Amino acid sequence: MKKDKILKILEKILIFIVTLIMISVLANQYIKTSAGAINESLRMVQIILAIVIVLLTLLMAVINKNRALFFILIGFYALTGILFFIFKSANKI
């Protein structure tokens, strides 16, 4: 397969996964509003989908042979992970 075709397929997969995350966030918000609690299984699905997005975007940067983008993404995802654990430990998330 050509590199461009692979990247287009990965883009479509990313769009689908982001859509799934948005749907699960809306579903979780609905459950929180109606039942008064966040559904933990939906929360875990959101985290797993976010990790898949991270891996796919890094794979796309590697396929493009764009080293600058790869390291910027690594830094951004590391910072996001650190902030997630800081706020998670402070019970803000």
PDB file of N, CA and C in Angstrom:
ATOM      1  N   MET A   1       0.838  -1.185   0.000  1.00  0.00           N
ATOM      2  CA  MET A   1       0.000   0.000   0.000  1.00  0.00           C
ATOM      3  C   MET A   1       0.878   1.241   0.000  1.00  0.00           C
ATOM      4  N   LYS A   2       0.355   2.263  -0.612  1.00  0.00           N
ATOM      5  CA  LYS A   2       1.092   3.517  -0.610  1.00  0.00           C
ATOM      6  C   LYS A   2       0.953   4.207   0.739  1.00  0.00           C
ATOM      7  N   LYS A   3       1.946   5.030   1.019  1.00  0.00           N
ATOM      8  CA  LYS A   3       1.964   5.745   2.290  1.00  0.00           C
ATOM      9  C   LYS A   3       0.750   6.664   2.424  1.00  0.00           C
ATOM     10  N   ASP A   4       0.377   7.335   1.337  1.00  0.00           N
ATOM     11  CA  ASP A   4      -0.764   8.250   1.392  1.00  0.00           C
ATOM     12  C   ASP A   4      -2.073   7.511   1.670  1.00  0.00           C
ATOM     13  N   LYS A   5      -2.216   6.337   1.089  1.00  0.00           N
ATOM     14  CA  LYS A   5      -3.433   5.561   1.304  1.00  0.00           C
ATOM     15  C   LYS A   5      -3.525   5.088   2.755  1.00  0.00           C
ATOM     16  N   ILE A   6      -2.409   4.670   3.308  1.00  0.00           N
ATOM     17  CA  ILE A   6      -2.381   4.249   4.716  1.00  0.00           C
ATOM     18  C   ILE A   6      -2.736   5.414   5.630  1.00  0.00           C
ATOM     19  N   LEU A   7      -2.183   6.596   5.331  1.00  0.00           N
ATOM     20  CA  LEU A   7      -2.480   7.770   6.160  1.00  0.00           C
ATOM     21  C   LEU A   7      -3.952   8.152   6.081  1.00  0.00           C
ATOM     22  N   LYS A   8      -4.558   8.045   4.910  1.00  0.00           N
ATOM     23  CA  LYS A   8      -5.982   8.364   4.784  1.00  0.00           C
ATOM     24  C   LYS A   8      -6.834   7.376   5.583  1.00  0.00           C
ATOM     25  N   ILE A   9      -6.459   6.108   5.561  1.00  0.00           N
ATOM     26  CA  ILE A   9      -7.189   5.112   6.351  1.00  0.00           C
ATOM     27  C   ILE A   9      -7.046   5.405   7.841  1.00  0.00           C
ATOM     28  N   LEU A  10      -5.823   5.735   8.279  1.00  0.00           N
ATOM     29  CA  LEU A  10      -5.604   6.067   9.694  1.00  0.00           C
ATOM     30  C   LEU A  10      -6.373   7.319  10.093  1.00  0.00           C
ATOM     31  N   GLU A  11      -6.475   8.301   9.205  1.00  0.00           N
ATOM     32  CA  GLU A  11      -7.256   9.512   9.499  1.00  0.00           C
ATOM     33  C   GLU A  11      -8.723   9.171   9.710  1.00  0.00           C
ATOM     34  N   LYS A  12      -9.255   8.312   8.855  1.00  0.00           N
ATOM     35  CA  LYS A  12     -10.662   7.921   9.000  1.00  0.00           C
ATOM     36  C   LYS A  12     -10.886   7.149  10.300  1.00  0.00           C
ATOM     37  N   ILE A  13      -9.941   6.305  10.663  1.00  0.00           N
ATOM     38  CA  ILE A  13     -10.047   5.572  11.927  1.00  0.00           C
ATOM     39  C   ILE A  13     -10.011   6.548  13.104  1.00  0.00           C
ATOM     40  N   LEU A  14      -9.120   7.556  13.037  1.00  0.00           N
ATOM     41  CA  LEU A  14      -9.044   8.549  14.108  1.00  0.00           C
ATOM     42  C   LEU A  14     -10.343   9.323  14.234  1.00  0.00           C
ATOM     43  N   ILE A  15     -10.923   9.717  13.120  1.00  0.00           N
ATOM     44  CA  ILE A  15     -12.192  10.447  13.159  1.00  0.00           C
ATOM     45  C   ILE A  15     -13.278   9.590  13.799  1.00  0.00           C
ATOM     46  N   PHE A  16     -13.314   8.316  13.460  1.00  0.00           N
ATOM     47  CA  PHE A  16     -14.295   7.402  14.046  1.00  0.00           C
ATOM     48  C   PHE A  16     -14.091   7.258  15.552  1.00  0.00           C
ATOM     49  N   ILE A  17     -12.844   7.122  15.984  1.00  0.00           N
ATOM     50  CA  ILE A  17     -12.567   6.949  17.418  1.00  0.00           C
ATOM     51  C   ILE A  17     -12.902   8.217  18.188  1.00  0.00           C
ATOM     52  N   VAL A  18     -12.579   9.381  17.628  1.00  0.00           N
ATOM     53  CA  VAL A  18     -12.921  10.639  18.304  1.00  0.00           C
ATOM     54  C   VAL A  18     -14.435  10.773  18.414  1.00  0.00           C
ATOM     55  N   THR A  19     -15.150  10.362  17.380  1.00  0.00           N
ATOM     56  CA  THR A  19     -16.611  10.381  17.437  1.00  0.00           C
ATOM     57  C   THR A  19     -17.119   9.459  18.544  1.00  0.00           C
ATOM     58  N   LEU A  20     -16.518   8.269  18.678  1.00  0.00           N
ATOM     59  CA  LEU A  20     -16.911   7.363  19.758  1.00  0.00           C
ATOM     60  C   LEU A  20     -16.667   7.984  21.126  1.00  0.00           C
ATOM     61  N   ILE A  21     -15.547   8.685  21.275  1.00  0.00           N
ATOM     62  CA  ILE A  21     -15.255   9.343  22.555  1.00  0.00           C
ATOM     63  C   ILE A  21     -16.306  10.408  22.849  1.00  0.00           C
ATOM     64  N   MET A  22     -16.659  11.203  21.840  1.00  0.00           N
ATOM     65  CA  MET A  22     -17.666  12.245  22.055  1.00  0.00           C
ATOM     66  C   MET A  22     -19.010  11.636  22.433  1.00  0.00           C
ATOM     67  N   ILE A  23     -19.388  10.543  21.788  1.00  0.00           N
ATOM     68  CA  ILE A  23     -20.653   9.878  22.119  1.00  0.00           C
ATOM     69  C   ILE A  23     -20.603   9.330  23.544  1.00  0.00           C
ATOM     70  N   SER A  24     -19.475   8.742  23.941  1.00  0.00           N
ATOM     71  CA  SER A  24     -19.386   8.194  25.300  1.00  0.00           C
ATOM     72  C   SER A  24     -19.389   9.306  26.354  1.00  0.00           C
ATOM     73  N   VAL A  25     -18.800  10.459  26.030  1.00  0.00           N
ATOM     74  CA  VAL A  25     -18.838  11.589  26.966  1.00  0.00           C
ATOM     75  C   VAL A  25     -20.279  12.073  27.132  1.00  0.00           C
ATOM     76  N   LEU A  26     -21.003  12.178  26.023  1.00  0.00           N
ATOM     77  CA  LEU A  26     -22.403  12.600  26.119  1.00  0.00           C
ATOM     78  C   LEU A  26     -23.241  11.578  26.885  1.00  0.00           C
ATOM     79  N   ALA A  27     -22.990  10.295  26.632  1.00  0.00           N
ATOM     80  CA  ALA A  27     -23.724   9.258  27.359  1.00  0.00           C
ATOM     81  C   ALA A  27     -23.411   9.309  28.847  1.00  0.00           C
ATOM     82  N   ASN A  28     -22.147   9.522  29.172  1.00  0.00           N
ATOM     83  CA  ASN A  28     -21.751   9.603  30.581  1.00  0.00           C
ATOM     84  C   ASN A  28     -22.389  10.817  31.251  1.00  0.00           C
ATOM     85  N   GLN A  29     -22.459  11.926  30.530  1.00  0.00           N
ATOM     86  CA  GLN A  29     -23.082  13.126  31.080  1.00  0.00           C
ATOM     87  C   GLN A  29     -24.574  12.884  31.319  1.00  0.00           C
ATOM     88  N   TYR A  30     -25.208  12.176  30.391  1.00  0.00           N
ATOM     89  CA  TYR A  30     -26.627  11.841  30.567  1.00  0.00           C
ATOM     90  C   TYR A  30     -26.826  10.934  31.771  1.00  0.00           C
ATOM     91  N   ILE A  31     -25.967   9.923  31.908  1.00  0.00           N
ATOM     92  CA  ILE A  31     -26.073   9.006  33.055  1.00  0.00           C
ATOM     93  C   ILE A  31     -25.823   9.762  34.353  1.00  0.00           C
ATOM     94  N   LYS A  32     -24.848  10.671  34.329  1.00  0.00           N
ATOM     95  CA  LYS A  32     -24.544  11.451  35.531  1.00  0.00           C
ATOM     96  C   LYS A  32     -25.725  12.327  35.919  1.00  0.00           C
ATOM     97  N   THR A  33     -26.380  12.908  34.913  1.00  0.00           N
ATOM     98  CA  THR A  33     -27.518  13.774  35.194  1.00  0.00           C
ATOM     99  C   THR A  33     -28.715  12.979  35.691  1.00  0.00           C
ATOM    100  N   SER A  34     -28.980  11.829  35.055  1.00  0.00           N
ATOM    101  CA  SER A  34     -30.184  11.079  35.427  1.00  0.00           C
ATOM    102  C   SER A  34     -29.973  10.200  36.655  1.00  0.00           C
ATOM    103  N   ALA A  35     -28.803   9.562  36.755  1.00  0.00           N
ATOM    104  CA  ALA A  35     -28.583   8.623  37.858  1.00  0.00           C
ATOM    105  C   ALA A  35     -27.764   9.235  38.991  1.00  0.00           C
ATOM    106  N   GLY A  36     -27.084  10.325  38.739  1.00  0.00           N
ATOM    107  CA  GLY A  36     -26.320  10.987  39.783  1.00  0.00           C
ATOM    108  C   GLY A  36     -24.915  10.456  39.966  1.00  0.00           C
ATOM    109  N   ALA A  37     -24.463   9.551  39.092  1.00  0.00           N
ATOM    110  CA  ALA A  37     -23.118   8.993  39.216  1.00  0.00           C
ATOM    111  C   ALA A  37     -22.547   8.761  37.815  1.00  0.00           C
ATOM    112  N   ILE A  38     -21.238   8.830  37.728  1.00  0.00           N
ATOM    113  CA  ILE A  38     -20.559   8.592  36.458  1.00  0.00           C
ATOM    114  C   ILE A  38     -20.377   7.093  36.280  1.00  0.00           C
ATOM    115  N   ASN A  39     -20.650   6.607  35.093  1.00  0.00           N
ATOM    116  CA  ASN A  39     -20.486   5.194  34.779  1.00  0.00           C
ATOM    117  C   ASN A  39     -19.000   4.907  34.581  1.00  0.00           C
ATOM    118  N   GLU A  40     -18.428   4.101  35.447  1.00  0.00           N
ATOM    119  CA  GLU A  40     -16.986   3.833  35.411  1.00  0.00           C
ATOM    120  C   GLU A  40     -16.563   3.059  34.167  1.00  0.00           C
ATOM    121  N   SER A  41     -17.420   2.172  33.672  1.00  0.00           N
ATOM    122  CA  SER A  41     -17.043   1.422  32.470  1.00  0.00           C
ATOM    123  C   SER A  41     -16.945   2.338  31.262  1.00  0.00           C
ATOM    124  N   LEU A  42     -17.855   3.315  31.166  1.00  0.00           N
ATOM    125  CA  LEU A  42     -17.744   4.292  30.077  1.00  0.00           C
ATOM    126  C   LEU A  42     -16.485   5.131  30.224  1.00  0.00           C
ATOM    127  N   ARG A  43     -16.139   5.438  31.447  1.00  0.00           N
ATOM    128  CA  ARG A  43     -14.920   6.226  31.708  1.00  0.00           C
ATOM    129  C   ARG A  43     -13.681   5.449  31.269  1.00  0.00           C
ATOM    130  N   MET A  44     -13.645   4.159  31.544  1.00  0.00           N
ATOM    131  CA  MET A  44     -12.516   3.332  31.115  1.00  0.00           C
ATOM    132  C   MET A  44     -12.454   3.219  29.597  1.00  0.00           C
ATOM    133  N   VAL A  45     -13.605   3.122  28.945  1.00  0.00           N
ATOM    134  CA  VAL A  45     -13.635   3.079  27.484  1.00  0.00           C
ATOM    135  C   VAL A  45     -13.067   4.371  26.912  1.00  0.00           C
ATOM    136  N   GLN A  46     -13.397   5.505  27.520  1.00  0.00           N
ATOM    137  CA  GLN A  46     -12.870   6.787  27.064  1.00  0.00           C
ATOM    138  C   GLN A  46     -11.349   6.829  27.190  1.00  0.00           C
ATOM    139  N   ILE A  47     -10.828   6.322  28.288  1.00  0.00           N
ATOM    140  CA  ILE A  47      -9.378   6.324  28.498  1.00  0.00           C
ATOM    141  C   ILE A  47      -8.688   5.411  27.498  1.00  0.00           C
ATOM    142  N   ILE A  48      -9.265   4.235  27.254  1.00  0.00           N
ATOM    143  CA  ILE A  48      -8.671   3.301  26.287  1.00  0.00           C
ATOM    144  C   ILE A  48      -8.699   3.890  24.883  1.00  0.00           C
ATOM    145  N   LEU A  49      -9.812   4.515  24.507  1.00  0.00           N
ATOM    146  CA  LEU A  49      -9.891   5.145  23.185  1.00  0.00           C
ATOM    147  C   LEU A  49      -8.901   6.297  23.058  1.00  0.00           C
ATOM    148  N   ALA A  50      -8.695   7.046  24.127  1.00  0.00           N
ATOM    149  CA  ALA A  50      -7.719   8.129  24.089  1.00  0.00           C
ATOM    150  C   ALA A  50      -6.309   7.583  23.885  1.00  0.00           C
ATOM    151  N   ILE A  51      -5.997   6.459  24.520  1.00  0.00           N
ATOM    152  CA  ILE A  51      -4.682   5.837  24.341  1.00  0.00           C
ATOM    153  C   ILE A  51      -4.513   5.335  22.911  1.00  0.00           C
ATOM    154  N   VAL A  52      -5.585   4.798  22.335  1.00  0.00           N
ATOM    155  CA  VAL A  52      -5.525   4.361  20.937  1.00  0.00           C
ATOM    156  C   VAL A  52      -5.269   5.546  20.010  1.00  0.00           C
ATOM    157  N   ILE A  53      -5.897   6.681  20.300  1.00  0.00           N
ATOM    158  CA  ILE A  53      -5.669   7.883  19.503  1.00  0.00           C
ATOM    159  C   ILE A  53      -4.216   8.317  19.596  1.00  0.00           C
ATOM    160  N   VAL A  54      -3.656   8.271  20.793  1.00  0.00           N
ATOM    161  CA  VAL A  54      -2.244   8.632  20.974  1.00  0.00           C
ATOM    162  C   VAL A  54      -1.359   7.739  20.108  1.00  0.00           C
ATOM    163  N   LEU A  55      -1.587   6.444  20.177  1.00  0.00           N
ATOM    164  CA  LEU A  55      -0.759   5.517  19.406  1.00  0.00           C
ATOM    165  C   LEU A  55      -0.920   5.727  17.904  1.00  0.00           C
ATOM    166  N   LEU A  56      -2.151   5.956  17.450  1.00  0.00           N
ATOM    167  CA  LEU A  56      -2.368   6.161  16.021  1.00  0.00           C
ATOM    168  C   LEU A  56      -1.731   7.458  15.514  1.00  0.00           C
ATOM    169  N   THR A  57      -1.818   8.532  16.302  1.00  0.00           N
ATOM    170  CA  THR A  57      -1.195   9.780  15.856  1.00  0.00           C
ATOM    171  C   THR A  57       0.322   9.661  15.837  1.00  0.00           C
ATOM    172  N   LEU A  58       0.883   8.947  16.800  1.00  0.00           N
ATOM    173  CA  LEU A  58       2.330   8.724  16.777  1.00  0.00           C
ATOM    174  C   LEU A  58       2.723   7.863  15.580  1.00  0.00           C
ATOM    175  N   LEU A  59       1.916   6.857  15.266  1.00  0.00           N
ATOM    176  CA  LEU A  59       2.171   6.028  14.096  1.00  0.00           C
ATOM    177  C   LEU A  59       2.106   6.854  12.814  1.00  0.00           C
ATOM    178  N   MET A  60       1.147   7.766  12.744  1.00  0.00           N
ATOM    179  CA  MET A  60       1.037   8.626  11.563  1.00  0.00           C
ATOM    180  C   MET A  60       2.252   9.537  11.432  1.00  0.00           C
ATOM    181  N   ALA A  61       2.757  10.041  12.549  1.00  0.00           N
ATOM    182  CA  ALA A  61       3.954  10.885  12.500  1.00  0.00           C
ATOM    183  C   ALA A  61       5.165  10.074  12.048  1.00  0.00           C
ATOM    184  N   VAL A  62       5.259   8.821  12.470  1.00  0.00           N
ATOM    185  CA  VAL A  62       6.366   7.957  12.052  1.00  0.00           C
ATOM    186  C   VAL A  62       6.261   7.639  10.564  1.00  0.00           C
ATOM    187  N   ILE A  63       5.057   7.349  10.092  1.00  0.00           N
ATOM    188  CA  ILE A  63       4.876   7.050   8.668  1.00  0.00           C
ATOM    189  C   ILE A  63       5.244   8.258   7.813  1.00  0.00           C
ATOM    190  N   ASN A  64       4.897   9.445   8.286  1.00  0.00           N
ATOM    191  CA  ASN A  64       5.241  10.678   7.562  1.00  0.00           C
ATOM    192  C   ASN A  64       6.725  11.007   7.652  1.00  0.00           C
ATOM    193  N   LYS A  65       7.431  10.319   8.530  1.00  0.00           N
ATOM    194  CA  LYS A  65       8.840  10.591   8.808  1.00  0.00           C
ATOM    195  C   LYS A  65       9.039  12.038   9.258  1.00  0.00           C
ATOM    196  N   ASN A  66       8.108  12.496  10.066  1.00  0.00           N
ATOM    197  CA  ASN A  66       8.144  13.859  10.593  1.00  0.00           C
ATOM    198  C   ASN A  66       8.620  13.779  12.041  1.00  0.00           C
ATOM    199  N   ARG A  67       9.915  13.887  12.232  1.00  0.00           N
ATOM    200  CA  ARG A  67      10.496  13.734  13.572  1.00  0.00           C
ATOM    201  C   ARG A  67      10.060  14.843  14.512  1.00  0.00           C
ATOM    202  N   ALA A  68       9.959  16.073  13.983  1.00  0.00           N
ATOM    203  CA  ALA A  68       9.567  17.194  14.840  1.00  0.00           C
ATOM    204  C   ALA A  68       8.160  16.978  15.390  1.00  0.00           C
ATOM    205  N   LEU A  69       7.236  16.585  14.531  1.00  0.00           N
ATOM    206  CA  LEU A  69       5.870  16.331  14.975  1.00  0.00           C
ATOM    207  C   LEU A  69       5.829  15.187  15.977  1.00  0.00           C
ATOM    208  N   PHE A  70       6.610  14.142  15.735  1.00  0.00           N
ATOM    209  CA  PHE A  70       6.651  12.997  16.640  1.00  0.00           C
ATOM    210  C   PHE A  70       7.065  13.428  18.038  1.00  0.00           C
ATOM    211  N   PHE A  71       8.141  14.217  18.148  1.00  0.00           N
ATOM    212  CA  PHE A  71       8.613  14.621  19.471  1.00  0.00           C
ATOM    213  C   PHE A  71       7.694  15.655  20.119  1.00  0.00           C
ATOM    214  N   ILE A  72       7.062  16.495  19.316  1.00  0.00           N
ATOM    215  CA  ILE A  72       6.079  17.434  19.874  1.00  0.00           C
ATOM    216  C   ILE A  72       4.895  16.666  20.449  1.00  0.00           C
ATOM    217  N   LEU A  73       4.432  15.644  19.711  1.00  0.00           N
ATOM    218  CA  LEU A  73       3.323  14.825  20.211  1.00  0.00           C
ATOM    219  C   LEU A  73       3.714  14.077  21.477  1.00  0.00           C
ATOM    220  N   ILE A  74       4.926  13.524  21.508  1.00  0.00           N
ATOM    221  CA  ILE A  74       5.398  12.825  22.717  1.00  0.00           C
ATOM    222  C   ILE A  74       5.378  13.787  23.909  1.00  0.00           C
ATOM    223  N   GLY A  75       5.905  14.989  23.722  1.00  0.00           N
ATOM    224  CA  GLY A  75       5.923  15.980  24.800  1.00  0.00           C
ATOM    225  C   GLY A  75       4.520  16.372  25.240  1.00  0.00           C
ATOM    226  N   PHE A  76       3.655  16.604  24.263  1.00  0.00           N
ATOM    227  CA  PHE A  76       2.273  16.990  24.581  1.00  0.00           C
ATOM    228  C   PHE A  76       1.556  15.881  25.338  1.00  0.00           C
ATOM    229  N   TYR A  77       1.697  14.636  24.878  1.00  0.00           N
ATOM    230  CA  TYR A  77       1.016  13.527  25.546  1.00  0.00           C
ATOM    231  C   TYR A  77       1.611  13.260  26.931  1.00  0.00           C
ATOM    232  N   ALA A  78       2.907  13.448  27.082  1.00  0.00           N
ATOM    233  CA  ALA A  78       3.528  13.284  28.405  1.00  0.00           C
ATOM    234  C   ALA A  78       2.994  14.345  29.368  1.00  0.00           C
ATOM    235  N   LEU A  79       2.930  15.588  28.910  1.00  0.00           N
ATOM    236  CA  LEU A  79       2.406  16.663  29.749  1.00  0.00           C
ATOM    237  C   LEU A  79       0.947  16.416  30.107  1.00  0.00           C
ATOM    238  N   THR A  80       0.167  15.977  29.132  1.00  0.00           N
ATOM    239  CA  THR A  80      -1.237  15.674  29.385  1.00  0.00           C
ATOM    240  C   THR A  80      -1.375  14.547  30.407  1.00  0.00           C
ATOM    241  N   GLY A  81      -0.549  13.507  30.279  1.00  0.00           N
ATOM    242  CA  GLY A  81      -0.585  12.399  31.234  1.00  0.00           C
ATOM    243  C   GLY A  81      -0.210  12.836  32.636  1.00  0.00           C
ATOM    244  N   ILE A  82       0.820  13.668  32.735  1.00  0.00           N
ATOM    245  CA  ILE A  82       1.234  14.171  34.050  1.00  0.00           C
ATOM    246  C   ILE A  82       0.118  14.995  34.682  1.00  0.00           C
ATOM    247  N   LEU A  83      -0.490  15.887  33.906  1.00  0.00           N
ATOM    248  CA  LEU A  83      -1.584  16.704  34.435  1.00  0.00           C
ATOM    249  C   LEU A  83      -2.787  15.842  34.822  1.00  0.00           C
ATOM    250  N   PHE A  84      -3.050  14.791  34.039  1.00  0.00           N
ATOM    251  CA  PHE A  84      -4.156  13.885  34.370  1.00  0.00           C
ATOM    252  C   PHE A  84      -3.931  13.250  35.731  1.00  0.00           C
ATOM    253  N   PHE A  85      -2.719  12.745  35.975  1.00  0.00           N
ATOM    254  CA  PHE A  85      -2.456  12.090  37.258  1.00  0.00           C
ATOM    255  C   PHE A  85      -2.420  13.086  38.412  1.00  0.00           C
ATOM    256  N   ILE A  86      -1.988  14.317  38.169  1.00  0.00           N
ATOM    257  CA  ILE A  86      -2.003  15.331  39.214  1.00  0.00           C
ATOM    258  C   ILE A  86      -3.438  15.634  39.621  1.00  0.00           C
ATOM    259  N   PHE A  87      -4.289  15.875  38.619  1.00  0.00           N
ATOM    260  CA  PHE A  87      -5.676  16.197  38.944  1.00  0.00           C
ATOM    261  C   PHE A  87      -6.438  14.974  39.448  1.00  0.00           C
ATOM    262  N   LYS A  88      -6.071  13.793  38.967  1.00  0.00           N
ATOM    263  CA  LYS A  88      -6.722  12.564  39.437  1.00  0.00           C
ATOM    264  C   LYS A  88      -6.396  12.344  40.914  1.00  0.00           C
ATOM    265  N   SER A  89      -5.142  12.600  41.292  1.00  0.00           N
ATOM    266  CA  SER A  89      -4.756  12.417  42.689  1.00  0.00           C
ATOM    267  C   SER A  89      -5.399  13.481  43.593  1.00  0.00           C
ATOM    268  N   ALA A  90      -5.731  14.632  43.004  1.00  0.00           N
ATOM    269  CA  ALA A  90      -6.398  15.683  43.777  1.00  0.00           C
ATOM    270  C   ALA A  90      -7.924  15.525  43.735  1.00  0.00           C
ATOM    271  N   ASN A  91      -8.394  14.412  43.141  1.00  0.00           N
ATOM    272  CA  ASN A  91      -9.831  14.117  43.041  1.00  0.00           C
ATOM    273  C   ASN A  91     -10.613  15.190  42.304  1.00  0.00           C
ATOM    274  N   LYS A  92      -9.971  15.802  41.297  1.00  0.00           N
ATOM    275  CA  LYS A  92     -10.671  16.800  40.496  1.00  0.00           C
ATOM    276  C   LYS A  92     -11.278  16.180  39.242  1.00  0.00           C
ATOM    277  N   ILE A  93     -10.839  14.964  38.880  1.00  0.00           N
ATOM    278  CA  ILE A  93     -11.375  14.305  37.681  1.00  0.00           C
ATOM    279  C   ILE A  93     -12.177  13.099  38.132  1.00  0.00           C
TER     280      ILE A  93
END
